[in-house]
C-alpha cells in the first residue's frame, strides 16, 4: 500500500486499522484503531494534519485533504461514503457523510448528523447534532437523526477491518 512520509510529516496508522493496498496516505495523517481506508481513497496531509478517529470508515474513492491553516478531523464511529470529499472541516463522532458529498473549509458536522449523498456543505456551515444536510448547497433539517442511527453500518465496517486484515489476498 502506498504510505508516504513527506519531509518530516509521517503517517501514524494504528496497528488494528485496515488500509487497503490501493489507498494512498501521504504525510501528517493519523488513523485510529479499527478504522478502515478503502480502495482509491486518498488522505493527503501535506500542508496540515488529518486525524481519523477509531472505528471510522473512509470508503472507496473518498478524498480527505487539509490546508496549511485548516486541519481535517473525523471523529470516532463515522462513515465517510464512497467518493466523498472532505477538506479543512471537522466531522464529529457518530456521523455519516454520504457518497459523493463535499464538506469544505471550517464546516462543522455535529455528532449524529447526516450529510446526504451528493450534498455540498460549503465553507463555514454548521450542521448541528442530530441534523440532516441535503442538497447543493445543503439545506439543514434539525432533530431528524436519532443517536446511534448509523451504528449498524459502523459495525459492518469494523467487522470488515478484521475480515480483510485476515483474509484479503492478491490473486494476480
N, C-alpha and C. Protein backbone atom coordinates (compact mmCIF):
# COMPACT_ATOMS: atom_id res chain seq x y z
N UNK A 1 0.84 -1.18 0.00
CA UNK A 1 0.00 0.00 0.00
C UNK A 1 0.88 1.23 0.00
N UNK A 2 0.54 2.23 -0.78
CA UNK A 2 1.36 3.43 -0.82
C UNK A 2 1.10 4.34 0.39
N UNK A 3 2.03 4.30 1.33
CA UNK A 3 2.01 5.16 2.50
C UNK A 3 3.31 5.93 2.48
N UNK A 4 3.19 7.26 2.43
CA UNK A 4 4.35 8.09 2.20
C UNK A 4 4.57 9.07 3.34
N UNK A 5 5.83 9.27 3.71
CA UNK A 5 6.23 10.43 4.50
C UNK A 5 6.47 11.56 3.50
N UNK A 6 6.29 12.79 3.96
CA UNK A 6 6.58 13.96 3.14
C UNK A 6 7.43 14.88 4.00
N UNK A 7 8.71 14.88 3.77
CA UNK A 7 9.62 15.60 4.67
C UNK A 7 9.51 15.00 6.05
N UNK A 8 9.23 15.83 7.04
CA UNK A 8 9.09 15.31 8.41
C UNK A 8 7.65 14.95 8.76
N UNK A 9 6.74 15.03 7.81
CA UNK A 9 5.33 14.65 8.04
C UNK A 9 5.19 13.15 7.75
N UNK A 10 4.88 12.39 8.80
CA UNK A 10 4.84 10.94 8.69
C UNK A 10 3.50 10.41 9.16
N UNK A 11 2.87 9.50 8.40
CA UNK A 11 1.60 8.93 8.84
C UNK A 11 1.76 8.12 10.14
N UNK A 12 0.69 8.08 10.91
CA UNK A 12 0.62 7.29 12.13
C UNK A 12 -0.65 6.45 12.03
N UNK A 13 -0.48 5.18 11.70
CA UNK A 13 -1.62 4.30 11.46
C UNK A 13 -1.64 3.24 12.55
N UNK A 14 -2.74 3.18 13.28
CA UNK A 14 -2.86 2.21 14.37
C UNK A 14 -2.71 0.79 13.84
N UNK A 15 -2.08 -0.06 14.62
CA UNK A 15 -1.84 -1.45 14.21
C UNK A 15 -3.13 -2.21 13.92
N UNK A 16 -4.24 -1.83 14.53
CA UNK A 16 -5.52 -2.52 14.32
C UNK A 16 -6.38 -1.86 13.25
N UNK A 17 -5.85 -0.87 12.53
CA UNK A 17 -6.58 -0.25 11.42
C UNK A 17 -6.33 -1.09 10.16
N UNK A 18 -7.21 -0.93 9.17
CA UNK A 18 -7.02 -1.58 7.88
C UNK A 18 -6.91 -0.51 6.81
N UNK A 19 -5.81 -0.55 6.07
CA UNK A 19 -5.62 0.33 4.92
C UNK A 19 -5.48 -0.56 3.70
N UNK A 20 -6.41 -0.45 2.77
CA UNK A 20 -6.37 -1.26 1.57
C UNK A 20 -5.11 -0.93 0.77
N UNK A 21 -4.52 -1.94 0.10
CA UNK A 21 -3.30 -1.71 -0.67
C UNK A 21 -3.43 -0.66 -1.78
N UNK A 22 -4.65 -0.37 -2.22
CA UNK A 22 -4.83 0.62 -3.28
C UNK A 22 -5.31 1.97 -2.75
N UNK A 23 -5.26 2.18 -1.44
CA UNK A 23 -5.49 3.50 -0.86
C UNK A 23 -4.15 4.21 -0.80
N UNK A 24 -4.18 5.54 -0.70
CA UNK A 24 -2.95 6.33 -0.63
C UNK A 24 -3.01 7.22 0.61
N UNK A 25 -1.97 7.15 1.41
CA UNK A 25 -1.85 8.00 2.60
C UNK A 25 -0.52 8.72 2.51
N UNK A 26 -0.59 10.06 2.64
CA UNK A 26 0.61 10.89 2.50
C UNK A 26 0.69 11.87 3.66
N UNK A 27 1.84 11.92 4.32
CA UNK A 27 2.14 12.98 5.27
C UNK A 27 1.52 12.83 6.63
N UNK A 28 1.08 13.94 7.20
CA UNK A 28 0.60 14.03 8.58
C UNK A 28 -0.83 13.52 8.68
N UNK A 29 -0.96 12.20 8.68
CA UNK A 29 -2.26 11.53 8.73
C UNK A 29 -2.23 10.53 9.88
N UNK A 30 -3.22 10.61 10.76
CA UNK A 30 -3.38 9.63 11.85
C UNK A 30 -4.66 8.85 11.60
N UNK A 31 -4.57 7.54 11.75
CA UNK A 31 -5.73 6.66 11.57
C UNK A 31 -5.88 5.84 12.85
N UNK A 32 -7.06 5.91 13.47
CA UNK A 32 -7.30 5.25 14.75
C UNK A 32 -7.60 3.77 14.65
N UNK A 33 -7.71 3.12 15.81
CA UNK A 33 -7.94 1.67 15.86
C UNK A 33 -9.27 1.27 15.23
N UNK A 34 -9.23 0.14 14.55
CA UNK A 34 -10.39 -0.47 13.89
C UNK A 34 -11.02 0.45 12.85
N UNK A 35 -10.27 1.44 12.38
CA UNK A 35 -10.74 2.26 11.27
C UNK A 35 -10.29 1.62 9.96
N UNK A 36 -10.93 2.04 8.87
CA UNK A 36 -10.63 1.43 7.59
C UNK A 36 -10.55 2.49 6.50
N UNK A 37 -9.58 2.30 5.62
CA UNK A 37 -9.36 3.17 4.47
C UNK A 37 -9.44 2.26 3.24
N UNK A 38 -10.40 2.51 2.37
CA UNK A 38 -10.75 1.56 1.30
C UNK A 38 -10.12 1.92 -0.04
N UNK A 39 -10.24 1.04 -1.06
CA UNK A 39 -9.56 1.25 -2.33
C UNK A 39 -9.85 2.62 -2.95
N UNK A 40 -8.81 3.23 -3.46
CA UNK A 40 -8.96 4.50 -4.15
C UNK A 40 -9.08 5.71 -3.25
N UNK A 41 -9.18 5.50 -1.96
CA UNK A 41 -9.24 6.64 -1.04
C UNK A 41 -7.86 7.29 -0.98
N UNK A 42 -7.85 8.62 -0.88
CA UNK A 42 -6.61 9.37 -0.76
C UNK A 42 -6.72 10.29 0.45
N UNK A 43 -5.78 10.15 1.38
CA UNK A 43 -5.69 11.02 2.55
C UNK A 43 -4.35 11.73 2.43
N UNK A 44 -4.39 13.04 2.16
CA UNK A 44 -3.16 13.78 1.86
C UNK A 44 -2.96 14.88 2.89
N UNK A 45 -2.12 14.58 3.87
CA UNK A 45 -1.77 15.53 4.92
C UNK A 45 -0.46 16.22 4.60
N UNK A 46 -0.44 16.97 3.51
CA UNK A 46 0.80 17.58 3.06
C UNK A 46 1.07 18.94 3.68
N UNK A 47 0.04 19.73 3.92
CA UNK A 47 0.23 21.08 4.47
C UNK A 47 -0.28 21.21 5.89
N UNK A 48 -1.20 20.37 6.29
CA UNK A 48 -1.76 20.35 7.63
C UNK A 48 -1.92 18.90 8.05
N UNK A 49 -2.75 18.70 9.07
CA UNK A 49 -2.94 17.35 9.61
C UNK A 49 -4.33 16.81 9.27
N UNK A 50 -4.39 15.50 9.16
CA UNK A 50 -5.65 14.77 9.04
C UNK A 50 -5.69 13.78 10.19
N UNK A 51 -6.78 13.79 10.93
CA UNK A 51 -6.96 12.87 12.05
C UNK A 51 -8.24 12.09 11.83
N UNK A 52 -8.13 10.77 11.81
CA UNK A 52 -9.27 9.85 11.67
C UNK A 52 -9.38 9.09 12.98
N UNK A 53 -10.53 9.16 13.63
CA UNK A 53 -10.72 8.51 14.92
C UNK A 53 -10.84 7.00 14.81
N UNK A 54 -11.33 6.40 15.87
CA UNK A 54 -11.49 4.94 15.96
C UNK A 54 -12.78 4.49 15.28
N UNK A 55 -12.74 3.32 14.69
CA UNK A 55 -13.90 2.65 14.09
C UNK A 55 -14.60 3.50 13.03
N UNK A 56 -13.82 4.26 12.29
CA UNK A 56 -14.34 5.11 11.22
C UNK A 56 -13.95 4.50 9.88
N UNK A 57 -14.87 4.53 8.92
CA UNK A 57 -14.56 4.03 7.58
C UNK A 57 -14.48 5.19 6.60
N UNK A 58 -13.39 5.20 5.84
CA UNK A 58 -13.21 6.14 4.74
C UNK A 58 -13.33 5.27 3.49
N UNK A 59 -14.47 5.37 2.82
CA UNK A 59 -14.80 4.39 1.80
C UNK A 59 -14.17 4.71 0.44
N UNK A 60 -14.38 3.79 -0.48
CA UNK A 60 -13.74 3.79 -1.79
C UNK A 60 -13.84 5.15 -2.47
N UNK A 61 -12.68 5.63 -2.94
CA UNK A 61 -12.64 6.85 -3.73
C UNK A 61 -12.77 8.15 -2.95
N UNK A 62 -12.88 8.09 -1.64
CA UNK A 62 -13.01 9.31 -0.85
C UNK A 62 -11.69 10.08 -0.86
N UNK A 63 -11.80 11.40 -0.80
CA UNK A 63 -10.64 12.29 -0.76
C UNK A 63 -10.71 13.06 0.55
N UNK A 64 -9.62 13.00 1.33
CA UNK A 64 -9.53 13.78 2.56
C UNK A 64 -8.27 14.62 2.44
N UNK A 65 -8.43 15.94 2.53
CA UNK A 65 -7.30 16.86 2.38
C UNK A 65 -7.38 17.91 3.48
N UNK A 66 -6.41 18.77 3.55
CA UNK A 66 -6.34 19.83 4.55
C UNK A 66 -5.60 21.00 3.91
N UNK A 67 -5.48 22.09 4.66
CA UNK A 67 -4.68 23.21 4.17
C UNK A 67 -3.65 23.56 5.24
N UNK A 68 -2.79 24.50 4.95
CA UNK A 68 -1.79 24.92 5.94
C UNK A 68 -2.47 25.54 7.16
N UNK A 69 -3.65 26.11 6.98
CA UNK A 69 -4.37 26.75 8.07
C UNK A 69 -5.46 25.87 8.68
N UNK A 70 -5.91 24.88 7.95
CA UNK A 70 -7.09 24.11 8.37
C UNK A 70 -6.82 22.61 8.31
N UNK A 71 -6.75 21.98 9.48
CA UNK A 71 -6.68 20.53 9.54
C UNK A 71 -8.04 19.94 9.21
N UNK A 72 -8.07 18.67 8.95
CA UNK A 72 -9.32 17.93 8.77
C UNK A 72 -9.38 16.86 9.84
N UNK A 73 -10.48 16.84 10.58
CA UNK A 73 -10.65 15.90 11.68
C UNK A 73 -11.95 15.14 11.49
N UNK A 74 -11.87 13.82 11.61
CA UNK A 74 -13.05 12.96 11.56
C UNK A 74 -13.06 12.16 12.86
N UNK A 75 -14.17 12.20 13.58
CA UNK A 75 -14.26 11.56 14.89
C UNK A 75 -14.37 10.05 14.83
N UNK A 76 -14.79 9.49 15.95
CA UNK A 76 -14.96 8.05 16.09
C UNK A 76 -16.30 7.61 15.51
N UNK A 77 -16.32 6.38 15.01
CA UNK A 77 -17.55 5.72 14.54
C UNK A 77 -18.27 6.53 13.45
N UNK A 78 -17.49 7.13 12.56
CA UNK A 78 -18.07 7.86 11.44
C UNK A 78 -18.03 6.98 10.19
N UNK A 79 -18.94 7.25 9.29
CA UNK A 79 -18.99 6.60 8.00
C UNK A 79 -18.82 7.70 6.95
N UNK A 80 -17.73 7.63 6.20
CA UNK A 80 -17.46 8.59 5.13
C UNK A 80 -17.68 7.83 3.83
N UNK A 81 -18.72 8.17 3.12
CA UNK A 81 -19.17 7.40 1.97
C UNK A 81 -18.26 7.46 0.76
N UNK A 82 -18.55 6.58 -0.18
CA UNK A 82 -17.79 6.48 -1.42
C UNK A 82 -17.74 7.84 -2.12
N UNK A 83 -16.54 8.19 -2.59
CA UNK A 83 -16.32 9.41 -3.37
C UNK A 83 -16.64 10.71 -2.64
N UNK A 84 -16.72 10.69 -1.33
CA UNK A 84 -16.89 11.93 -0.58
C UNK A 84 -15.59 12.73 -0.61
N UNK A 85 -15.71 14.04 -0.41
CA UNK A 85 -14.55 14.94 -0.38
C UNK A 85 -14.64 15.79 0.87
N UNK A 86 -13.64 15.66 1.74
CA UNK A 86 -13.56 16.44 2.98
C UNK A 86 -12.30 17.28 2.91
N UNK A 87 -12.43 18.58 3.24
CA UNK A 87 -11.25 19.43 3.22
C UNK A 87 -11.37 20.56 4.24
N UNK A 88 -10.46 20.55 5.22
CA UNK A 88 -10.40 21.63 6.20
C UNK A 88 -11.63 21.72 7.07
N UNK A 89 -12.26 20.59 7.37
CA UNK A 89 -13.51 20.56 8.11
C UNK A 89 -13.38 19.66 9.34
N UNK A 90 -14.42 19.67 10.17
CA UNK A 90 -14.46 18.79 11.34
C UNK A 90 -15.75 17.99 11.29
N UNK A 91 -15.61 16.68 11.36
CA UNK A 91 -16.74 15.76 11.41
C UNK A 91 -16.73 15.15 12.81
N UNK A 92 -17.73 15.44 13.60
CA UNK A 92 -17.78 14.91 14.96
C UNK A 92 -18.21 13.44 14.95
N UNK A 93 -17.99 12.76 16.05
CA UNK A 93 -18.24 11.32 16.16
C UNK A 93 -19.68 10.95 15.83
N UNK A 94 -19.83 9.72 15.34
CA UNK A 94 -21.14 9.09 15.11
C UNK A 94 -21.93 9.73 13.98
N UNK A 95 -21.23 10.33 13.02
CA UNK A 95 -21.89 10.97 11.89
C UNK A 95 -21.68 10.17 10.61
N UNK A 96 -22.51 10.46 9.62
CA UNK A 96 -22.42 9.81 8.31
C UNK A 96 -22.34 10.89 7.25
N UNK A 97 -21.33 10.77 6.40
CA UNK A 97 -21.15 11.67 5.26
C UNK A 97 -21.44 10.83 4.02
N UNK A 98 -22.49 11.16 3.31
CA UNK A 98 -22.97 10.33 2.21
C UNK A 98 -22.07 10.32 0.99
N UNK A 99 -22.28 9.32 0.17
CA UNK A 99 -21.50 9.13 -1.05
C UNK A 99 -21.57 10.37 -1.94
N UNK A 100 -20.41 10.77 -2.45
CA UNK A 100 -20.35 11.88 -3.39
C UNK A 100 -20.55 13.25 -2.79
N UNK A 101 -20.63 13.34 -1.48
CA UNK A 101 -20.83 14.65 -0.85
C UNK A 101 -19.52 15.38 -0.69
N UNK A 102 -19.62 16.71 -0.48
CA UNK A 102 -18.45 17.57 -0.31
C UNK A 102 -18.66 18.40 0.95
N UNK A 103 -17.66 18.39 1.83
CA UNK A 103 -17.69 19.18 3.07
C UNK A 103 -16.43 20.02 3.07
N UNK A 104 -16.60 21.35 3.11
CA UNK A 104 -15.48 22.25 2.86
C UNK A 104 -15.00 22.99 4.10
N UNK A 105 -14.14 23.96 3.89
CA UNK A 105 -13.37 24.67 4.91
C UNK A 105 -14.22 25.20 6.06
N UNK A 106 -13.77 24.87 7.25
CA UNK A 106 -14.36 25.33 8.51
C UNK A 106 -15.79 24.85 8.74
N UNK A 107 -16.28 23.94 7.90
CA UNK A 107 -17.60 23.36 8.16
C UNK A 107 -17.49 22.45 9.38
N UNK A 108 -18.54 22.43 10.18
CA UNK A 108 -18.61 21.58 11.36
C UNK A 108 -19.82 20.69 11.22
N UNK A 109 -19.61 19.38 11.26
CA UNK A 109 -20.70 18.42 11.18
C UNK A 109 -20.84 17.83 12.57
N UNK A 110 -21.95 18.14 13.24
CA UNK A 110 -22.16 17.75 14.63
C UNK A 110 -22.30 16.25 14.81
N UNK A 111 -22.22 15.79 16.06
CA UNK A 111 -22.39 14.37 16.35
C UNK A 111 -23.77 13.88 15.90
N UNK A 112 -23.81 12.64 15.43
CA UNK A 112 -25.06 12.01 15.00
C UNK A 112 -25.75 12.80 13.89
N UNK A 113 -24.97 13.45 13.04
CA UNK A 113 -25.52 14.20 11.92
C UNK A 113 -25.32 13.42 10.63
N UNK A 114 -26.10 13.77 9.63
CA UNK A 114 -26.05 13.14 8.31
C UNK A 114 -25.87 14.21 7.26
N UNK A 115 -24.89 14.02 6.40
CA UNK A 115 -24.76 14.79 5.17
C UNK A 115 -25.15 13.83 4.06
N UNK A 116 -26.23 14.12 3.36
CA UNK A 116 -26.77 13.20 2.37
C UNK A 116 -25.88 13.07 1.15
N UNK A 117 -26.12 12.02 0.39
CA UNK A 117 -25.38 11.75 -0.83
C UNK A 117 -25.42 12.97 -1.75
N UNK A 118 -24.26 13.31 -2.29
CA UNK A 118 -24.08 14.39 -3.26
C UNK A 118 -24.38 15.78 -2.72
N UNK A 119 -24.50 15.93 -1.41
CA UNK A 119 -24.73 17.25 -0.81
C UNK A 119 -23.45 18.05 -0.80
N UNK A 120 -23.59 19.38 -0.76
CA UNK A 120 -22.46 20.29 -0.62
C UNK A 120 -22.65 21.09 0.66
N UNK A 121 -21.74 20.89 1.61
CA UNK A 121 -21.71 21.70 2.83
C UNK A 121 -20.61 22.73 2.61
N UNK A 122 -20.98 23.99 2.35
CA UNK A 122 -19.98 24.99 1.98
C UNK A 122 -19.17 25.48 3.18
N UNK A 123 -18.18 26.31 2.88
CA UNK A 123 -17.33 26.90 3.91
C UNK A 123 -18.17 27.49 5.05
N UNK A 124 -17.70 27.29 6.27
CA UNK A 124 -18.25 27.90 7.48
C UNK A 124 -19.64 27.42 7.89
N UNK A 125 -20.20 26.44 7.23
CA UNK A 125 -21.55 25.96 7.56
C UNK A 125 -21.47 25.03 8.75
N UNK A 126 -22.44 25.12 9.64
CA UNK A 126 -22.54 24.24 10.79
C UNK A 126 -23.77 23.37 10.62
N UNK A 127 -23.57 22.06 10.71
CA UNK A 127 -24.67 21.11 10.73
C UNK A 127 -24.76 20.64 12.18
N UNK A 128 -25.81 21.05 12.90
CA UNK A 128 -25.90 20.75 14.33
C UNK A 128 -26.04 19.25 14.61
N UNK A 129 -25.83 18.85 15.86
CA UNK A 129 -26.05 17.44 16.23
C UNK A 129 -27.45 16.99 15.83
N UNK A 130 -27.54 15.75 15.37
CA UNK A 130 -28.81 15.10 15.02
C UNK A 130 -29.55 15.77 13.87
N UNK A 131 -28.83 16.56 13.07
CA UNK A 131 -29.44 17.22 11.92
C UNK A 131 -29.07 16.47 10.64
N UNK A 132 -29.80 16.84 9.57
CA UNK A 132 -29.56 16.27 8.25
C UNK A 132 -29.31 17.41 7.28
N UNK A 133 -28.30 17.26 6.43
CA UNK A 133 -27.96 18.27 5.42
C UNK A 133 -28.10 17.62 4.05
N UNK A 134 -28.98 18.18 3.22
CA UNK A 134 -29.23 17.63 1.88
C UNK A 134 -29.19 18.73 0.85
N UNK A 135 -28.69 18.42 -0.33
CA UNK A 135 -28.76 19.34 -1.46
C UNK A 135 -27.50 20.14 -1.70
N UNK A 136 -27.59 21.01 -2.73
CA UNK A 136 -26.47 21.84 -3.16
C UNK A 136 -26.96 23.27 -3.33
N UNK A 137 -26.56 24.19 -2.45
CA UNK A 137 -25.87 23.93 -1.18
C UNK A 137 -26.83 23.25 -0.21
N UNK A 138 -26.27 22.66 0.83
CA UNK A 138 -27.07 21.86 1.75
C UNK A 138 -28.10 22.70 2.50
N UNK A 139 -29.29 22.14 2.60
CA UNK A 139 -30.34 22.66 3.45
C UNK A 139 -30.39 21.76 4.67
N UNK A 140 -30.51 22.38 5.84
CA UNK A 140 -30.40 21.63 7.09
C UNK A 140 -31.76 21.44 7.72
N UNK A 141 -32.04 20.21 8.12
CA UNK A 141 -33.23 19.86 8.89
C UNK A 141 -32.78 19.45 10.28
N UNK A 142 -33.33 20.09 11.30
CA UNK A 142 -32.88 19.86 12.68
C UNK A 142 -33.62 18.70 13.33
N UNK A 143 -32.93 17.98 14.21
CA UNK A 143 -33.54 16.98 15.07
C UNK A 143 -34.16 15.79 14.38
N UNK A 144 -33.65 15.41 13.21
CA UNK A 144 -34.28 14.31 12.47
C UNK A 144 -33.45 13.01 12.51
N UNK A 145 -32.25 13.05 13.07
CA UNK A 145 -31.39 11.87 13.12
C UNK A 145 -31.28 11.42 14.58
N UNK A 146 -31.58 10.17 14.83
CA UNK A 146 -31.51 9.62 16.19
C UNK A 146 -30.07 9.29 16.57
N UNK A 147 -29.77 9.41 17.85
CA UNK A 147 -28.47 8.96 18.34
C UNK A 147 -28.28 7.49 17.97
N UNK A 148 -27.11 7.14 17.50
CA UNK A 148 -26.80 5.75 17.17
C UNK A 148 -27.40 5.25 15.87
N UNK A 149 -27.97 6.14 15.07
CA UNK A 149 -28.65 5.71 13.85
C UNK A 149 -27.73 5.00 12.86
N UNK A 150 -26.44 5.30 12.88
CA UNK A 150 -25.51 4.73 11.91
C UNK A 150 -24.68 3.60 12.49
N UNK A 151 -24.97 3.19 13.71
CA UNK A 151 -24.15 2.20 14.40
C UNK A 151 -24.09 0.87 13.65
N UNK A 152 -25.18 0.43 13.04
CA UNK A 152 -25.16 -0.84 12.31
C UNK A 152 -24.17 -0.79 11.15
N UNK A 153 -24.10 0.35 10.45
CA UNK A 153 -23.14 0.48 9.36
C UNK A 153 -21.72 0.51 9.90
N UNK A 154 -21.50 1.21 10.99
CA UNK A 154 -20.18 1.24 11.62
C UNK A 154 -19.75 -0.19 11.96
N UNK A 155 -20.65 -0.96 12.55
CA UNK A 155 -20.32 -2.33 12.95
C UNK A 155 -19.96 -3.21 11.75
N UNK A 156 -20.62 -3.01 10.63
CA UNK A 156 -20.28 -3.76 9.42
C UNK A 156 -18.85 -3.47 9.01
N UNK A 157 -18.48 -2.20 9.00
CA UNK A 157 -17.12 -1.85 8.58
C UNK A 157 -16.07 -2.27 9.60
N UNK A 158 -16.39 -2.29 10.88
CA UNK A 158 -15.44 -2.80 11.87
C UNK A 158 -15.22 -4.30 11.65
N UNK A 159 -16.30 -5.04 11.36
CA UNK A 159 -16.14 -6.47 11.03
C UNK A 159 -15.27 -6.62 9.78
N UNK A 160 -15.49 -5.74 8.79
CA UNK A 160 -14.69 -5.79 7.57
C UNK A 160 -13.21 -5.56 7.85
N UNK A 161 -12.90 -4.68 8.81
CA UNK A 161 -11.49 -4.45 9.18
C UNK A 161 -10.83 -5.77 9.53
N UNK A 162 -11.50 -6.54 10.38
CA UNK A 162 -10.91 -7.80 10.84
C UNK A 162 -10.89 -8.86 9.75
N UNK A 163 -11.97 -8.95 8.98
CA UNK A 163 -12.01 -9.94 7.90
C UNK A 163 -10.97 -9.63 6.83
N UNK A 164 -10.92 -8.40 6.37
CA UNK A 164 -9.97 -8.05 5.31
C UNK A 164 -8.53 -8.16 5.79
N UNK A 165 -8.27 -7.79 7.05
CA UNK A 165 -6.92 -7.93 7.59
C UNK A 165 -6.47 -9.38 7.59
N UNK A 166 -7.40 -10.28 7.85
CA UNK A 166 -7.07 -11.71 7.94
C UNK A 166 -7.12 -12.43 6.60
N UNK A 167 -8.00 -11.99 5.67
CA UNK A 167 -8.30 -12.83 4.53
C UNK A 167 -7.97 -12.24 3.17
N UNK A 168 -7.77 -10.95 3.05
CA UNK A 168 -7.53 -10.34 1.73
C UNK A 168 -6.21 -10.84 1.16
N UNK A 169 -6.25 -11.29 -0.09
CA UNK A 169 -5.04 -11.72 -0.77
C UNK A 169 -5.15 -11.40 -2.25
N UNK A 170 -4.06 -11.01 -2.83
CA UNK A 170 -4.00 -10.68 -4.25
C UNK A 170 -3.84 -11.96 -5.04
N UNK A 171 -4.67 -12.15 -6.06
CA UNK A 171 -4.62 -13.37 -6.85
C UNK A 171 -3.77 -13.23 -8.11
N UNK A 172 -3.67 -12.07 -8.66
CA UNK A 172 -2.82 -11.92 -9.85
C UNK A 172 -2.31 -10.51 -9.98
